[in-house]
């Protein structure tokens, strides 16, 4: 049970970071679960790609490499 208590705040912090932009909480843009789920998945993918690019991910000759 203690493992759940230790990881809870970390998960909540990660979700809060994804659901905010410039310190402001983002409102859901669509009606319905499916459209909002798609938007969230795309946002997470974009944030992950942006982070990988900042860490040195490059694209050369049709393949991705870490610099």
Protein backbone atom coordinates (compact mmCIF):
# COMPACT_ATOMS: atom_id res chain seq x y z
CA UNK A 1 0.00 0.00 0.00
CA UNK A 2 2.86 2.40 0.70
CA UNK A 3 3.97 2.17 -2.96
CA UNK A 4 0.64 3.61 -4.05
CA UNK A 5 1.01 6.55 -1.70
CA UNK A 6 4.51 7.30 -2.95
CA UNK A 7 3.65 7.29 -6.66
CA UNK A 8 0.30 9.07 -6.37
CA UNK A 9 1.63 12.64 -6.19
CA UNK A 10 4.09 11.96 -9.04
CA UNK A 11 1.30 10.76 -11.31
CA UNK A 12 -0.91 13.70 -10.37
CA UNK A 13 1.94 16.12 -11.08
CA UNK A 14 2.53 14.56 -14.52
CA UNK A 15 -1.16 14.77 -15.43
CA UNK A 16 -1.35 18.37 -14.23
CA UNK A 17 1.68 19.24 -16.37
CA UNK A 18 0.15 17.67 -19.49
CA UNK A 19 -3.19 19.40 -18.88
CA UNK A 20 -1.67 22.89 -18.57
CA UNK A 21 0.02 25.33 -20.88
CA UNK A 22 2.01 28.32 -19.66
CA UNK A 23 0.79 27.80 -16.10
CA UNK A 24 -2.87 27.87 -17.13
CA UNK A 25 -5.12 24.84 -16.90
CA UNK A 26 -6.49 23.79 -20.28
CA UNK A 27 -10.20 23.23 -20.71
CA UNK A 28 -11.43 20.26 -22.67
CA UNK A 29 -12.07 21.31 -26.23
CA UNK A 30 -14.59 18.72 -27.36
CA UNK A 31 -17.78 17.11 -26.20
CA UNK A 32 -17.47 13.39 -25.70
CA UNK A 33 -14.84 11.07 -24.33
CA UNK A 34 -13.46 9.80 -27.65
CA UNK A 35 -12.53 13.20 -29.07
CA UNK A 36 -10.99 14.37 -25.80
CA UNK A 37 -9.05 11.12 -25.46
CA UNK A 38 -7.68 11.56 -28.99
CA UNK A 39 -6.68 15.17 -28.18
CA UNK A 40 -4.92 14.05 -24.99
CA UNK A 41 -3.02 11.27 -26.80
CA UNK A 42 -1.90 13.72 -29.50
CA UNK A 43 -0.80 16.26 -26.89
CA UNK A 44 1.23 13.65 -25.02
CA UNK A 45 2.83 12.51 -28.28
CA UNK A 46 3.78 16.06 -29.23
CA UNK A 47 5.25 16.74 -25.79
CA UNK A 48 7.24 13.50 -25.94
CA UNK A 49 8.58 14.31 -29.41
CA UNK A 50 9.50 17.84 -28.35
CA UNK A 51 11.39 16.42 -25.35
CA UNK A 52 13.24 13.87 -27.50
CA UNK A 53 14.24 16.61 -29.96
CA UNK A 54 15.59 18.68 -27.06
CA UNK A 55 17.62 15.65 -25.94
CA UNK A 56 19.24 15.35 -29.37
CA UNK A 57 16.97 13.22 -31.55
CA UNK A 58 17.76 13.86 -35.23
CA UNK A 59 16.39 12.59 -38.55
CA UNK A 60 18.87 11.72 -41.30
CA UNK A 61 18.35 9.63 -44.44
CA UNK A 62 15.00 8.24 -43.32
CA UNK A 63 16.07 7.11 -39.85
CA UNK A 64 16.00 8.62 -36.36
CA UNK A 65 19.13 8.75 -34.22
CA UNK A 66 20.11 10.18 -30.87
CA UNK A 67 23.02 12.60 -31.10
